[in-house]
Amino acid sequence: MRYGVLGTGEVGRALAGRLVELGQEVTLGSRTRDNPVAAQWATAAAGRARAGTFAEAAAAGEVVVNAVGGPVALAALRTAGAEHLDGKVLVDVCNPLVFLDGEARLDPVESDSVGERIQRAFPHARVVKTLNTVNCRVMVDPGRVPGAHNVFVSGDDAGAKEQVTAMLGEFGWPAERVVDLGGIRSARSVEMYLGLWLTMFRRFGSPDFNIEVCRAG
C-alpha cells in the first residue's frame, strides 16, 4: 500500500515511520519540496520512504493521512489538491487546538468539527476521523499503555472505516478495541475530548495513557 502523510511534525513522522516499518511505501508531505525535516526523515527511513510537497504526497498515496494541525488542515489539503484526494480514504488525525491569550482552546467545538469541515470541503474524499484521542507514540504502539483501551473511528463511508480499522490493526489495535462511533458528525465528540486529554496529561505528567470503554452485559 502507498501512503501520503501530510505533516512533518511529531505526529506525521511517527505515523509515517511506523508505516515504513510495516513495509508500506510512504511519501511525507510538507509545504515545500526542500523541507529539511522531511528530507532528513526520508534519508533516515530510506528504501520505501520519500519526501515531497503536500500535492506530491497526496498524489502518490492510495491512502492520505492528514497529520497537520487542525487550524491549518483545510489549507494544507487544498494545497494537496482535491484531484489528488477524490475517491481516496483520507485519514484525519488532527485536533482543533488553538491558543488564545496563552490558553488552549478548541475551534471549532460542539457545533462542528475539523473532520466534518474536511468532508464538506472534499466531498469525494472518504474521510475517517481516528487516533486523535491518543498521543502519537500510543497511536503507533498501543502496547505502551497496558490493558484493553480503545480507539475510535468516525466516517460516512463504511468501506473506508473498514480499511482504516485494518490499518489500525497493523499498528497493534485489535479490531475489538476499535469503536465505530458512526458518521463523520461524531468526530465532534472525539475532538472535544481533547480538553479532558490535556487535563489528564497535566495531571499525570506523561502522554502514555488512554481510556477504556466498559459496557454492562
N, C-alpha and C. Protein backbone atom coordinates (compact mmCIF):
# COMPACT_ATOMS: atom_id res chain seq x y z
N MET A 1 0.84 -1.19 0.00
CA MET A 1 0.00 0.00 0.00
C MET A 1 0.88 1.25 0.00
N ARG A 2 0.45 2.27 -0.72
CA ARG A 2 1.16 3.54 -0.76
C ARG A 2 0.39 4.57 0.07
N TYR A 3 1.11 5.24 0.96
CA TYR A 3 0.51 6.25 1.82
C TYR A 3 1.15 7.62 1.55
N GLY A 4 0.32 8.65 1.57
CA GLY A 4 0.80 10.01 1.60
C GLY A 4 0.47 10.59 2.95
N VAL A 5 1.47 10.99 3.70
CA VAL A 5 1.28 11.55 5.04
C VAL A 5 1.57 13.04 4.97
N LEU A 6 0.59 13.86 5.29
CA LEU A 6 0.74 15.30 5.23
C LEU A 6 1.09 15.83 6.62
N GLY A 7 2.26 16.44 6.74
CA GLY A 7 2.68 17.00 8.01
C GLY A 7 3.98 16.39 8.50
N THR A 8 4.95 17.25 8.79
CA THR A 8 6.28 16.78 9.17
C THR A 8 6.54 16.93 10.67
N GLY A 9 5.50 17.21 11.43
CA GLY A 9 5.67 17.31 12.88
C GLY A 9 5.81 15.93 13.51
N GLU A 10 5.77 15.91 14.82
CA GLU A 10 5.97 14.66 15.56
C GLU A 10 4.94 13.61 15.19
N VAL A 11 3.69 14.03 15.00
CA VAL A 11 2.63 13.08 14.67
C VAL A 11 2.86 12.49 13.28
N GLY A 12 3.09 13.37 12.30
CA GLY A 12 3.30 12.90 10.93
C GLY A 12 4.48 11.96 10.81
N ARG A 13 5.59 12.31 11.48
CA ARG A 13 6.78 11.47 11.39
C ARG A 13 6.57 10.13 12.09
N ALA A 14 5.83 10.13 13.21
CA ALA A 14 5.56 8.88 13.92
C ALA A 14 4.73 7.94 13.06
N LEU A 15 3.68 8.47 12.45
CA LEU A 15 2.82 7.64 11.62
C LEU A 15 3.56 7.16 10.37
N ALA A 16 4.25 8.08 9.72
CA ALA A 16 4.98 7.72 8.50
C ALA A 16 6.06 6.68 8.80
N GLY A 17 6.77 6.88 9.89
CA GLY A 17 7.83 5.94 10.24
C GLY A 17 7.30 4.56 10.53
N ARG A 18 6.19 4.48 11.23
CA ARG A 18 5.61 3.17 11.56
C ARG A 18 5.12 2.47 10.30
N LEU A 19 4.52 3.23 9.39
CA LEU A 19 4.05 2.64 8.14
C LEU A 19 5.21 2.08 7.32
N VAL A 20 6.32 2.79 7.30
CA VAL A 20 7.50 2.28 6.59
C VAL A 20 7.99 1.00 7.25
N GLU A 21 8.02 0.97 8.59
CA GLU A 21 8.43 -0.24 9.30
C GLU A 21 7.54 -1.42 8.95
N LEU A 22 6.29 -1.15 8.66
CA LEU A 22 5.34 -2.20 8.33
C LEU A 22 5.42 -2.63 6.86
N GLY A 23 6.35 -2.02 6.13
CA GLY A 23 6.55 -2.41 4.75
C GLY A 23 5.78 -1.61 3.73
N GLN A 24 5.17 -0.50 4.16
CA GLN A 24 4.40 0.34 3.24
C GLN A 24 5.31 1.38 2.58
N GLU A 25 4.88 1.87 1.42
CA GLU A 25 5.58 2.96 0.77
C GLU A 25 4.95 4.28 1.22
N VAL A 26 5.78 5.21 1.68
CA VAL A 26 5.27 6.44 2.28
C VAL A 26 5.96 7.65 1.69
N THR A 27 5.15 8.64 1.31
CA THR A 27 5.67 9.95 0.95
C THR A 27 5.24 10.93 2.03
N LEU A 28 6.20 11.56 2.66
CA LEU A 28 5.93 12.53 3.73
C LEU A 28 5.86 13.91 3.10
N GLY A 29 4.71 14.54 3.19
CA GLY A 29 4.48 15.81 2.51
C GLY A 29 4.60 17.02 3.40
N SER A 30 5.11 18.09 2.83
CA SER A 30 5.23 19.37 3.52
C SER A 30 4.91 20.48 2.52
N ARG A 31 4.96 21.71 2.98
CA ARG A 31 4.59 22.83 2.11
C ARG A 31 5.56 22.99 0.95
N THR A 32 6.84 22.72 1.20
CA THR A 32 7.85 22.92 0.17
C THR A 32 8.64 21.63 -0.04
N ARG A 33 9.12 21.44 -1.24
CA ARG A 33 9.86 20.23 -1.58
C ARG A 33 11.19 20.12 -0.84
N ASP A 34 11.75 21.28 -0.46
CA ASP A 34 13.06 21.29 0.18
C ASP A 34 12.97 21.35 1.70
N ASN A 35 11.85 20.93 2.28
CA ASN A 35 11.69 20.93 3.73
C ASN A 35 12.78 20.06 4.36
N PRO A 36 13.64 20.61 5.21
CA PRO A 36 14.78 19.83 5.74
C PRO A 36 14.35 18.70 6.66
N VAL A 37 13.27 18.89 7.41
CA VAL A 37 12.81 17.84 8.32
C VAL A 37 12.34 16.63 7.51
N ALA A 38 11.57 16.88 6.46
CA ALA A 38 11.08 15.79 5.62
C ALA A 38 12.23 15.08 4.92
N ALA A 39 13.16 15.87 4.42
CA ALA A 39 14.31 15.27 3.72
C ALA A 39 15.13 14.40 4.66
N GLN A 40 15.35 14.88 5.89
CA GLN A 40 16.12 14.11 6.86
C GLN A 40 15.39 12.82 7.22
N TRP A 41 14.06 12.92 7.38
CA TRP A 41 13.27 11.73 7.71
C TRP A 41 13.38 10.70 6.59
N ALA A 42 13.22 11.14 5.34
CA ALA A 42 13.27 10.22 4.21
C ALA A 42 14.64 9.55 4.10
N THR A 43 15.69 10.31 4.37
CA THR A 43 17.04 9.74 4.31
C THR A 43 17.23 8.70 5.40
N ALA A 44 16.76 9.00 6.59
CA ALA A 44 16.92 8.07 7.71
C ALA A 44 16.08 6.81 7.52
N ALA A 45 14.85 6.99 7.01
CA ALA A 45 13.96 5.85 6.82
C ALA A 45 14.40 4.99 5.64
N ALA A 46 14.86 5.67 4.58
CA ALA A 46 15.42 5.01 3.39
C ALA A 46 14.42 4.06 2.73
N GLY A 47 14.84 3.47 1.63
CA GLY A 47 14.05 2.45 0.95
C GLY A 47 12.70 2.92 0.47
N ARG A 48 11.66 2.64 1.24
CA ARG A 48 10.29 2.92 0.83
C ARG A 48 9.81 4.31 1.24
N ALA A 49 10.70 5.16 1.72
CA ALA A 49 10.34 6.49 2.21
C ALA A 49 10.79 7.57 1.23
N ARG A 50 9.89 8.54 1.02
CA ARG A 50 10.21 9.68 0.18
C ARG A 50 9.67 10.94 0.84
N ALA A 51 10.21 12.08 0.42
CA ALA A 51 9.71 13.37 0.87
C ALA A 51 9.22 14.14 -0.35
N GLY A 52 8.23 15.00 -0.17
CA GLY A 52 7.70 15.80 -1.26
C GLY A 52 6.79 16.88 -0.75
N THR A 53 6.13 17.54 -1.65
CA THR A 53 5.15 18.56 -1.27
C THR A 53 3.86 17.88 -0.83
N PHE A 54 2.93 18.68 -0.30
CA PHE A 54 1.62 18.13 0.05
C PHE A 54 0.97 17.49 -1.18
N ALA A 55 1.05 18.18 -2.32
CA ALA A 55 0.44 17.66 -3.54
C ALA A 55 1.10 16.37 -3.99
N GLU A 56 2.42 16.32 -3.92
CA GLU A 56 3.13 15.11 -4.34
C GLU A 56 2.81 13.93 -3.42
N ALA A 57 2.70 14.19 -2.13
CA ALA A 57 2.38 13.12 -1.18
C ALA A 57 0.96 12.62 -1.41
N ALA A 58 0.02 13.53 -1.60
CA ALA A 58 -1.37 13.13 -1.81
C ALA A 58 -1.52 12.37 -3.13
N ALA A 59 -0.80 12.80 -4.16
CA ALA A 59 -0.88 12.13 -5.45
C ALA A 59 -0.29 10.72 -5.37
N ALA A 60 0.77 10.57 -4.60
CA ALA A 60 1.46 9.28 -4.51
C ALA A 60 0.69 8.27 -3.67
N GLY A 61 -0.09 8.74 -2.71
CA GLY A 61 -0.73 7.84 -1.77
C GLY A 61 -2.04 7.26 -2.26
N GLU A 62 -2.21 5.97 -2.06
CA GLU A 62 -3.53 5.36 -2.23
C GLU A 62 -4.41 5.74 -1.05
N VAL A 63 -3.79 5.94 0.09
CA VAL A 63 -4.44 6.45 1.30
C VAL A 63 -3.68 7.71 1.71
N VAL A 64 -4.42 8.75 2.10
CA VAL A 64 -3.81 10.01 2.52
C VAL A 64 -4.10 10.22 4.01
N VAL A 65 -3.07 10.57 4.76
CA VAL A 65 -3.21 10.81 6.20
C VAL A 65 -2.98 12.28 6.47
N ASN A 66 -3.98 12.94 7.04
CA ASN A 66 -3.86 14.34 7.41
C ASN A 66 -3.31 14.43 8.83
N ALA A 67 -2.03 14.82 8.95
CA ALA A 67 -1.38 14.92 10.26
C ALA A 67 -0.86 16.32 10.52
N VAL A 68 -1.44 17.31 9.86
CA VAL A 68 -1.11 18.70 10.17
C VAL A 68 -2.02 19.17 11.29
N GLY A 69 -1.76 20.36 11.83
CA GLY A 69 -2.59 20.89 12.89
C GLY A 69 -3.98 21.24 12.41
N GLY A 70 -4.95 21.11 13.30
CA GLY A 70 -6.34 21.39 12.95
C GLY A 70 -6.58 22.75 12.31
N PRO A 71 -6.00 23.83 12.85
CA PRO A 71 -6.25 25.15 12.27
C PRO A 71 -5.77 25.32 10.83
N VAL A 72 -4.81 24.51 10.39
CA VAL A 72 -4.27 24.65 9.03
C VAL A 72 -4.64 23.48 8.13
N ALA A 73 -5.51 22.58 8.62
CA ALA A 73 -5.80 21.36 7.88
C ALA A 73 -6.41 21.64 6.52
N LEU A 74 -7.41 22.50 6.47
CA LEU A 74 -8.08 22.76 5.19
C LEU A 74 -7.13 23.41 4.19
N ALA A 75 -6.31 24.33 4.66
CA ALA A 75 -5.34 24.98 3.77
C ALA A 75 -4.35 23.96 3.21
N ALA A 76 -3.87 23.08 4.06
CA ALA A 76 -2.92 22.07 3.61
C ALA A 76 -3.56 21.13 2.60
N LEU A 77 -4.80 20.73 2.84
CA LEU A 77 -5.47 19.81 1.94
C LEU A 77 -5.82 20.49 0.61
N ARG A 78 -6.14 21.77 0.66
CA ARG A 78 -6.37 22.48 -0.60
C ARG A 78 -5.09 22.57 -1.40
N THR A 79 -3.97 22.76 -0.72
CA THR A 79 -2.67 22.76 -1.40
C THR A 79 -2.39 21.38 -1.99
N ALA A 80 -2.78 20.34 -1.27
CA ALA A 80 -2.59 18.98 -1.78
C ALA A 80 -3.38 18.76 -3.04
N GLY A 81 -4.56 19.38 -3.14
CA GLY A 81 -5.36 19.30 -4.35
C GLY A 81 -6.49 18.30 -4.27
N ALA A 82 -7.71 18.77 -4.51
CA ALA A 82 -8.87 17.88 -4.47
C ALA A 82 -8.73 16.73 -5.45
N GLU A 83 -8.08 16.99 -6.59
CA GLU A 83 -7.92 15.94 -7.60
C GLU A 83 -7.06 14.78 -7.11
N HIS A 84 -6.25 15.05 -6.07
CA HIS A 84 -5.40 14.00 -5.50
C HIS A 84 -6.05 13.30 -4.30
N LEU A 85 -7.25 13.78 -3.93
CA LEU A 85 -7.96 13.23 -2.78
C LEU A 85 -9.23 12.50 -3.17
N ASP A 86 -9.77 12.85 -4.32
CA ASP A 86 -11.05 12.28 -4.75
C ASP A 86 -11.02 10.76 -4.79
N GLY A 87 -11.99 10.15 -4.12
CA GLY A 87 -12.12 8.70 -4.11
C GLY A 87 -11.22 7.98 -3.14
N LYS A 88 -10.29 8.71 -2.52
CA LYS A 88 -9.33 8.06 -1.62
C LYS A 88 -9.80 8.11 -0.16
N VAL A 89 -9.34 7.13 0.60
CA VAL A 89 -9.51 7.20 2.06
C VAL A 89 -8.62 8.31 2.58
N LEU A 90 -9.21 9.23 3.33
CA LEU A 90 -8.48 10.35 3.91
C LEU A 90 -8.58 10.23 5.43
N VAL A 91 -7.50 9.83 6.05
CA VAL A 91 -7.47 9.60 7.49
C VAL A 91 -7.11 10.91 8.18
N ASP A 92 -8.03 11.41 9.01
CA ASP A 92 -7.81 12.68 9.71
C ASP A 92 -7.51 12.42 11.17
N VAL A 93 -6.29 12.76 11.61
CA VAL A 93 -5.89 12.50 12.99
C VAL A 93 -5.70 13.79 13.79
N CYS A 94 -6.05 14.94 13.21
CA CYS A 94 -5.71 16.22 13.85
C CYS A 94 -6.75 16.63 14.88
N ASN A 95 -6.41 17.62 15.67
CA ASN A 95 -7.30 18.19 16.67
C ASN A 95 -7.45 19.70 16.45
N PRO A 96 -8.59 20.26 16.84
CA PRO A 96 -8.87 21.69 16.61
C PRO A 96 -8.25 22.58 17.69
N LEU A 97 -6.97 22.39 17.96
CA LEU A 97 -6.32 23.09 19.07
C LEU A 97 -5.80 24.45 18.63
N VAL A 98 -6.23 25.49 19.33
CA VAL A 98 -5.73 26.85 19.10
C VAL A 98 -5.34 27.43 20.46
N PHE A 99 -4.53 28.48 20.43
CA PHE A 99 -4.13 29.14 21.66
C PHE A 99 -4.59 30.58 21.63
N LEU A 100 -5.33 30.98 22.65
CA LEU A 100 -5.86 32.33 22.77
C LEU A 100 -5.42 32.89 24.12
N ASP A 101 -4.64 33.97 24.07
CA ASP A 101 -4.08 34.57 25.29
C ASP A 101 -3.33 33.54 26.12
N GLY A 102 -2.60 32.66 25.42
CA GLY A 102 -1.79 31.66 26.09
C GLY A 102 -2.56 30.47 26.62
N GLU A 103 -3.86 30.41 26.34
CA GLU A 103 -4.68 29.32 26.85
C GLU A 103 -5.13 28.43 25.69
N ALA A 104 -5.08 27.11 25.92
CA ALA A 104 -5.50 26.16 24.89
C ALA A 104 -7.02 26.19 24.75
N ARG A 105 -7.48 26.34 23.51
CA ARG A 105 -8.91 26.33 23.21
C ARG A 105 -9.19 25.39 22.05
N LEU A 106 -10.46 25.09 21.84
CA LEU A 106 -10.89 24.28 20.71
C LEU A 106 -11.67 25.15 19.72
N ASP A 107 -11.32 25.06 18.46
CA ASP A 107 -12.04 25.80 17.42
C ASP A 107 -11.89 25.04 16.11
N PRO A 108 -13.00 24.43 15.61
CA PRO A 108 -14.38 24.52 16.08
C PRO A 108 -14.63 23.63 17.29
N VAL A 109 -15.80 23.79 17.88
CA VAL A 109 -16.16 22.97 19.03
C VAL A 109 -17.68 22.86 19.10
N GLU A 110 -18.15 21.70 19.44
CA GLU A 110 -19.55 21.36 19.73
C GLU A 110 -20.46 21.36 18.49
N SER A 111 -20.52 22.48 17.75
CA SER A 111 -21.45 22.56 16.62
C SER A 111 -20.80 22.18 15.29
N ASP A 112 -19.52 21.84 15.30
CA ASP A 112 -18.80 21.46 14.09
C ASP A 112 -17.52 20.75 14.50
N SER A 113 -16.80 20.24 13.53
CA SER A 113 -15.52 19.58 13.80
C SER A 113 -14.62 19.73 12.59
N VAL A 114 -13.33 19.54 12.80
CA VAL A 114 -12.39 19.58 11.68
C VAL A 114 -12.72 18.45 10.70
N GLY A 115 -13.04 17.29 11.24
CA GLY A 115 -13.39 16.16 10.38
C GLY A 115 -14.54 16.47 9.44
N GLU A 116 -15.58 17.10 9.97
CA GLU A 116 -16.73 17.47 9.14
C GLU A 116 -16.36 18.54 8.12
N ARG A 117 -15.56 19.50 8.54
CA ARG A 117 -15.16 20.55 7.61
C ARG A 117 -14.36 19.97 6.44
N ILE A 118 -13.51 19.01 6.74
CA ILE A 118 -12.74 18.37 5.67
C ILE A 118 -13.68 17.62 4.73
N GLN A 119 -14.65 16.89 5.27
CA GLN A 119 -15.56 16.14 4.42
C GLN A 119 -16.40 17.07 3.55
N ARG A 120 -16.83 18.21 4.11
CA ARG A 120 -17.61 19.17 3.31
C ARG A 120 -16.76 19.79 2.21
N ALA A 121 -15.51 20.11 2.54
CA ALA A 121 -14.63 20.76 1.57
C ALA A 121 -14.21 19.80 0.47
N PHE A 122 -14.13 18.51 0.79
CA PHE A 122 -13.68 17.49 -0.17
C PHE A 122 -14.71 16.36 -0.20
N PRO A 123 -15.87 16.63 -0.79
CA PRO A 123 -16.99 15.68 -0.71
C PRO A 123 -16.72 14.33 -1.36
N HIS A 124 -15.74 14.26 -2.25
CA HIS A 124 -15.46 13.00 -2.92
C HIS A 124 -14.35 12.19 -2.22
N ALA A 125 -13.77 12.77 -1.17
CA ALA A 125 -12.83 12.01 -0.34
C ALA A 125 -13.61 11.19 0.67
N ARG A 126 -13.03 10.12 1.12
CA ARG A 126 -13.68 9.20 2.07
C ARG A 126 -13.02 9.41 3.44
N VAL A 127 -13.52 10.42 4.17
CA VAL A 127 -12.87 10.89 5.38
C VAL A 127 -13.19 9.99 6.57
N VAL A 128 -12.14 9.60 7.30
CA VAL A 128 -12.29 8.84 8.54
C VAL A 128 -11.49 9.54 9.62
N LYS A 129 -12.18 9.92 10.69
CA LYS A 129 -11.52 10.52 11.85
C LYS A 129 -11.09 9.40 12.80
N THR A 130 -9.83 9.44 13.24
CA THR A 130 -9.36 8.42 14.17
C THR A 130 -8.06 8.88 14.81
N LEU A 131 -7.66 8.21 15.89
CA LEU A 131 -6.35 8.34 16.55
C LEU A 131 -6.11 9.69 17.22
N ASN A 132 -7.01 10.65 17.11
CA ASN A 132 -6.75 11.97 17.70
C ASN A 132 -6.92 11.99 19.21
N THR A 133 -7.35 10.87 19.79
CA THR A 133 -7.58 10.82 21.24
C THR A 133 -6.39 10.28 22.01
N VAL A 134 -5.29 9.98 21.30
CA VAL A 134 -4.09 9.47 21.97
C VAL A 134 -2.86 10.18 21.45
N ASN A 135 -1.80 10.13 22.23
CA ASN A 135 -0.51 10.67 21.84
C ASN A 135 0.04 9.90 20.65
N CYS A 136 0.90 10.54 19.85
CA CYS A 136 1.39 9.90 18.63
C CYS A 136 2.16 8.61 18.91
N ARG A 137 2.83 8.53 20.05
CA ARG A 137 3.55 7.29 20.37
C ARG A 137 2.59 6.15 20.64
N VAL A 138 1.46 6.45 21.28
CA VAL A 138 0.44 5.44 21.54
C VAL A 138 -0.30 5.10 20.25
N MET A 139 -0.45 6.08 19.35
CA MET A 139 -1.11 5.82 18.06
C MET A 139 -0.51 4.60 17.38
N VAL A 140 0.81 4.56 17.34
CA VAL A 140 1.51 3.52 16.56
C VAL A 140 2.03 2.38 17.42
N ASP A 141 1.83 2.48 18.74
CA ASP A 141 2.29 1.43 19.66
C ASP A 141 1.37 1.41 20.88
N PRO A 142 0.13 0.91 20.70
CA PRO A 142 -0.81 0.91 21.82
C PRO A 142 -0.35 0.10 23.01
N GLY A 143 0.62 -0.79 22.81
CA GLY A 143 1.15 -1.58 23.91
C GLY A 143 1.88 -0.76 24.95
N ARG A 144 2.18 0.52 24.62
CA ARG A 144 2.79 1.41 25.63
C ARG A 144 1.88 1.58 26.84
N VAL A 145 0.57 1.40 26.61
CA VAL A 145 -0.42 1.54 27.68
C VAL A 145 -1.01 0.16 27.96
N PRO A 146 -0.92 -0.34 29.18
CA PRO A 146 -1.45 -1.67 29.47
C PRO A 146 -2.97 -1.70 29.45
N GLY A 147 -3.52 -2.88 29.23
CA GLY A 147 -4.96 -3.03 29.29
C GLY A 147 -5.63 -2.93 27.93
N ALA A 148 -6.95 -3.14 27.93
CA ALA A 148 -7.74 -3.18 26.70
C ALA A 148 -8.35 -1.81 26.42
N HIS A 149 -7.53 -0.83 26.23
CA HIS A 149 -8.03 0.53 25.98
C HIS A 149 -8.45 0.67 24.52
N ASN A 150 -9.17 1.76 24.22
CA ASN A 150 -9.87 1.87 22.95
C ASN A 150 -9.43 3.05 22.09
N VAL A 151 -9.70 2.89 20.79
CA VAL A 151 -9.53 3.96 19.82
C VAL A 151 -10.83 4.03 19.02
N PHE A 152 -11.08 5.14 18.36
CA PHE A 152 -12.38 5.38 17.74
C PHE A 152 -12.24 5.71 16.26
N VAL A 153 -13.31 5.40 15.51
CA VAL A 153 -13.37 5.81 14.11
C VAL A 153 -14.73 6.48 13.86
N SER A 154 -14.70 7.54 13.05
CA SER A 154 -15.91 8.24 12.64
C SER A 154 -15.83 8.48 11.13
N GLY A 155 -16.92 8.24 10.42
CA GLY A 155 -16.91 8.49 8.99
C GLY A 155 -18.19 8.01 8.35
N ASP A 156 -18.50 8.56 7.19
CA ASP A 156 -19.74 8.23 6.50
C ASP A 156 -19.61 7.02 5.58
N ASP A 157 -18.39 6.60 5.27
CA ASP A 157 -18.15 5.53 4.33
C ASP A 157 -17.74 4.27 5.10
N ALA A 158 -18.62 3.27 5.09
CA ALA A 158 -18.35 2.05 5.86
C ALA A 158 -17.10 1.33 5.36
N GLY A 159 -16.91 1.28 4.04
CA GLY A 159 -15.73 0.62 3.50
C GLY A 159 -14.45 1.31 3.90
N ALA A 160 -14.48 2.65 3.95
CA ALA A 160 -13.29 3.40 4.37
C ALA A 160 -12.97 3.10 5.82
N LYS A 161 -14.00 3.01 6.67
CA LYS A 161 -13.75 2.70 8.08
C LYS A 161 -13.19 1.29 8.24
N GLU A 162 -13.63 0.37 7.43
CA GLU A 162 -13.07 -0.98 7.48
C GLU A 162 -11.59 -0.96 7.10
N GLN A 163 -11.26 -0.19 6.08
CA GLN A 163 -9.86 -0.11 5.65
C GLN A 163 -9.00 0.53 6.72
N VAL A 164 -9.51 1.58 7.36
CA VAL A 164 -8.76 2.24 8.42
C VAL A 164 -8.64 1.34 9.64
N THR A 165 -9.68 0.59 9.95
CA THR A 165 -9.61 -0.36 11.06
C THR A 165 -8.52 -1.40 10.81
N ALA A 166 -8.36 -1.82 9.56
CA ALA A 166 -7.29 -2.75 9.22
C ALA A 166 -5.92 -2.11 9.41
N MET A 167 -5.79 -0.84 9.04
CA MET A 167 -4.54 -0.12 9.26
C MET A 167 -4.23 -0.03 10.75
N LEU A 168 -5.26 0.28 11.54
CA LEU A 168 -5.07 0.35 12.99
C LEU A 168 -4.63 -1.01 13.54
N GLY A 169 -5.17 -2.08 12.96
CA GLY A 169 -4.76 -3.41 13.38
C GLY A 169 -3.27 -3.64 13.15
N GLU A 170 -2.75 -3.13 12.05
CA GLU A 170 -1.31 -3.25 11.79
C GLU A 170 -0.51 -2.47 12.83
N PHE A 171 -1.06 -1.39 13.31
CA PHE A 171 -0.39 -0.62 14.36
C PHE A 171 -0.41 -1.33 15.70
N GLY A 172 -1.31 -2.30 15.85
CA GLY A 172 -1.41 -3.02 17.11
C GLY A 172 -2.73 -2.85 17.83
N TRP A 173 -3.72 -2.22 17.18
CA TRP A 173 -5.05 -2.05 17.78
C TRP A 173 -5.94 -3.21 17.31
N PRO A 174 -6.26 -4.17 18.17
CA PRO A 174 -7.17 -5.25 17.76
C PRO A 174 -8.53 -4.67 17.36
N ALA A 175 -9.19 -5.33 16.41
CA ALA A 175 -10.46 -4.82 15.89
C ALA A 175 -11.49 -4.61 17.00
N GLU A 176 -11.46 -5.46 18.03
CA GLU A 176 -12.45 -5.32 19.10
C GLU A 176 -12.21 -4.09 19.97
N ARG A 177 -11.04 -3.47 19.83
CA ARG A 177 -10.77 -2.25 20.59
C ARG A 177 -11.08 -0.99 19.78
N VAL A 178 -11.46 -1.18 18.52
CA VAL A 178 -11.79 -0.04 17.66
C VAL A 178 -13.29 0.19 17.73
N VAL A 179 -13.70 1.33 18.26
CA VAL A 179 -15.12 1.64 18.44
C VAL A 179 -15.58 2.53 17.30
N ASP A 180 -16.55 2.03 16.52
CA ASP A 180 -17.13 2.80 15.42
C ASP A 180 -18.23 3.69 16.00
N LEU A 181 -18.00 4.99 15.95
CA LEU A 181 -18.94 5.95 16.54
C LEU A 181 -20.04 6.38 15.57
N GLY A 182 -19.93 5.96 14.31
CA GLY A 182 -20.95 6.34 13.34
C GLY A 182 -20.40 7.30 12.30
N GLY A 183 -21.25 8.19 11.82
CA GLY A 183 -20.89 9.11 10.75
C GLY A 183 -19.88 10.16 11.16
N ILE A 184 -19.46 10.95 10.18
CA ILE A 184 -18.41 11.94 10.44
C ILE A 184 -18.86 13.00 11.44
N ARG A 185 -20.16 13.19 11.61
CA ARG A 185 -20.64 14.15 12.62
C ARG A 185 -20.15 13.77 14.01
N SER A 186 -19.94 12.47 14.25
CA SER A 186 -19.48 12.04 15.57
C SER A 186 -18.03 12.45 15.84
N ALA A 187 -17.34 12.98 14.84
CA ALA A 187 -15.99 13.50 15.07
C ALA A 187 -16.00 14.64 16.08
N ARG A 188 -17.14 15.32 16.21
CA ARG A 188 -17.24 16.39 17.22
C ARG A 188 -16.90 15.86 18.61
N SER A 189 -17.41 14.67 18.91
CA SER A 189 -17.24 14.15 20.27
C SER A 189 -15.79 13.83 20.58
N VAL A 190 -15.08 13.20 19.63
CA VAL A 190 -13.69 12.85 19.91
C VAL A 190 -12.78 14.08 19.86
N GLU A 191 -13.15 15.09 19.08
CA GLU A 191 -12.35 16.32 19.09
C GLU A 191 -12.54 17.08 20.39
N MET A 192 -13.77 17.07 20.95
CA MET A 192 -14.00 17.75 22.22
C MET A 192 -13.31 17.04 23.38
N TYR A 193 -12.98 15.77 23.20
CA TYR A 193 -12.27 15.02 24.24
C TYR A 193 -10.89 15.61 24.53
N LEU A 194 -10.35 16.39 23.61
CA LEU A 194 -9.01 16.95 23.80
C LEU A 194 -8.89 17.73 25.10
N GLY A 195 -9.95 18.42 25.49
CA GLY A 195 -9.90 19.17 26.74
C GLY A 195 -9.61 18.27 27.93
N LEU A 196 -10.28 17.13 27.99
CA LEU A 196 -10.03 16.17 29.07
C LEU A 196 -8.64 15.57 28.93
N TRP A 197 -8.22 15.26 27.69
CA TRP A 197 -6.90 14.69 27.47
C TRP A 197 -5.82 15.63 28.00
N LEU A 198 -5.92 16.91 27.72
CA LEU A 198 -4.92 17.87 28.18
C LEU A 198 -4.90 17.95 29.71
N THR A 199 -6.08 17.89 30.31
CA THR A 199 -6.15 17.93 31.77
C THR A 199 -5.48 16.71 32.38
N MET A 200 -5.71 15.53 31.79
CA MET A 200 -5.07 14.32 32.32
C MET A 200 -3.57 14.33 32.07
N PHE A 201 -3.16 14.88 30.94
CA PHE A 201 -1.73 14.98 30.66
C PHE A 201 -1.03 15.83 31.71
N ARG A 202 -1.65 16.96 32.05
CA ARG A 202 -1.07 17.81 33.10
C ARG A 202 -1.07 17.08 34.44
N ARG A 203 -2.12 16.31 34.70
CA ARG A 203 -2.22 15.60 35.98
C ARG A 203 -1.21 14.46 36.07
N PHE A 204 -1.03 13.69 35.00
CA PHE A 204 -0.15 12.53 35.02
C PHE A 204 1.30 12.88 34.71
N GLY A 205 1.51 13.95 33.96
CA GLY A 205 2.87 14.32 33.58
C GLY A 205 3.46 13.45 32.49
N SER A 206 2.62 12.67 31.82
CA SER A 206 3.06 11.80 30.74
C SER A 206 1.93 11.63 29.75
N PRO A 207 2.25 11.50 28.44
CA PRO A 207 1.20 11.30 27.45
C PRO A 207 0.85 9.83 27.23
N ASP A 208 1.50 8.93 27.95
CA ASP A 208 1.28 7.50 27.74
C ASP A 208 0.10 7.02 28.57
N PHE A 209 -1.10 7.39 28.13
CA PHE A 209 -2.32 6.92 28.79
C PHE A 209 -3.43 6.89 27.75
N ASN A 210 -4.52 6.21 28.11
CA ASN A 210 -5.69 6.15 27.23
C ASN A 210 -6.89 5.74 28.07
N ILE A 211 -8.04 5.66 27.45
CA ILE A 211 -9.27 5.29 28.14
C ILE A 211 -9.79 3.96 27.61
N GLU A 212 -10.51 3.26 28.48
CA GLU A 212 -11.17 2.02 28.10
C GLU A 212 -12.67 2.20 28.22
N VAL A 213 -13.41 1.78 27.20
CA VAL A 213 -14.86 1.83 27.23
C VAL A 213 -15.38 0.52 27.81
N CYS A 214 -16.08 0.61 28.95
CA CYS A 214 -16.61 -0.58 29.60
C CYS A 214 -18.14 -0.55 29.51
N ARG A 215 -18.72 -1.67 29.09
CA ARG A 215 -20.16 -1.74 28.91
C ARG A 215 -20.74 -2.87 29.76
N ALA A 216 -21.92 -2.64 30.31
CA ALA A 216 -22.62 -3.69 31.04
C ALA A 216 -23.16 -4.73 30.06
N GLY A 217 -23.11 -5.98 30.46
CA GLY A 217 -23.67 -7.03 29.60
C GLY A 217 -22.76 -7.35 28.48
